[in-house]
């Protein structure tokens, strides 16, 4: 019995524990989703950031940007051309 003969549904992409997985386990799909999320949040938070309050901007950076940078840093070895 081959894996394609099973009656289980399959999907090309799904989100598992906050990480977008593709059928070939490549990270490009996850990076695209992070980019879309970052662009959306940047657009929505622009009015708050425009106020110029340093404490608010610092908190937004720590809350929204740093987790994305940490995720990228943990997967950097997958993209580095050695």
Protein backbone atom coordinates (compact mmCIF):
# COMPACT_ATOMS: atom_id res chain seq x y z
CA UNK A 1 0.00 0.00 0.00
CA UNK A 2 1.54 3.30 -1.07
CA UNK A 3 1.03 6.57 0.86
CA UNK A 4 -1.12 7.90 -1.98
CA UNK A 5 -3.64 5.04 -1.57
CA UNK A 6 -4.68 6.14 1.93
CA UNK A 7 -8.04 7.70 2.62
CA UNK A 8 -6.55 10.51 4.68
CA UNK A 9 -6.95 14.03 3.32
CA UNK A 10 -3.76 15.84 2.43
CA UNK A 11 -3.03 19.54 2.14
CA UNK A 12 -0.18 21.42 0.49
CA UNK A 13 0.29 23.86 3.39
CA UNK A 14 -0.79 24.05 7.01
CA UNK A 15 0.07 25.97 10.13
CA UNK A 16 1.37 23.94 13.05
CA UNK A 17 2.40 25.58 16.34
CA UNK A 18 2.73 28.95 14.63
CA UNK A 19 4.95 27.68 11.81
CA UNK A 20 3.70 27.32 8.24
CA UNK A 21 4.65 23.91 6.89
CA UNK A 22 4.70 22.89 3.24
CA UNK A 23 4.56 19.41 1.82
CA UNK A 24 8.32 19.48 1.04
CA UNK A 25 9.22 21.09 4.40
CA UNK A 26 10.77 24.19 2.89
CA UNK A 27 10.90 27.41 4.87
CA UNK A 28 10.05 29.81 2.01
CA UNK A 29 6.30 29.57 2.68
CA UNK A 30 6.80 30.47 6.32
CA UNK A 31 9.00 33.43 5.37
CA UNK A 32 6.31 34.68 2.98
CA UNK A 33 3.69 34.47 5.72
CA UNK A 34 5.96 36.36 8.13
CA UNK A 35 6.47 39.06 5.51
CA UNK A 36 2.69 39.41 4.96
CA UNK A 37 2.11 39.57 8.71
CA UNK A 38 4.82 42.20 9.17
CA UNK A 39 3.41 44.37 6.36
CA UNK A 40 -0.11 44.11 7.80
CA UNK A 41 1.03 45.01 11.31
CA UNK A 42 3.16 47.88 10.05
CA UNK A 43 0.15 49.33 8.25
CA UNK A 44 -2.20 48.91 11.21
CA UNK A 45 0.24 50.22 13.82
CA UNK A 46 1.40 53.25 11.84
CA UNK A 47 -1.02 55.69 13.57
CA UNK A 48 0.28 54.61 16.99
CA UNK A 49 3.93 54.75 15.91
CA UNK A 50 3.41 58.19 14.39
CA UNK A 51 2.68 59.61 17.86
CA UNK A 52 6.42 59.55 18.52
CA UNK A 53 6.28 58.10 22.03
CA UNK A 54 9.58 56.26 22.50
CA UNK A 55 8.22 53.87 25.15
CA UNK A 56 5.34 52.79 22.91
CA UNK A 57 7.66 52.31 19.93
CA UNK A 58 10.13 50.30 22.00
CA UNK A 59 7.37 48.09 23.40
CA UNK A 60 5.92 47.53 19.92
CA UNK A 61 9.38 46.59 18.63
CA UNK A 62 9.92 44.10 21.46
CA UNK A 63 6.43 42.65 21.06
CA UNK A 64 6.09 42.48 17.27
CA UNK A 65 9.52 42.61 15.64
CA UNK A 66 11.88 40.77 17.96
CA UNK A 67 9.99 37.44 17.84
CA UNK A 68 10.17 37.53 14.05
CA UNK A 69 13.90 38.32 14.13
CA UNK A 70 14.48 35.44 16.54
CA UNK A 71 12.58 33.07 14.25
CA UNK A 72 14.60 34.23 11.27
CA UNK A 73 17.89 33.92 13.17
CA UNK A 74 17.07 30.37 14.22
CA UNK A 75 16.50 29.42 10.55
CA UNK A 76 19.31 31.47 9.02
CA UNK A 77 21.51 28.43 8.47
CA UNK A 78 18.91 27.12 6.01
CA UNK A 79 19.52 30.12 3.72
CA UNK A 80 23.20 30.82 4.17
CA UNK A 81 25.25 30.04 1.08
CA UNK A 82 28.43 28.39 2.30
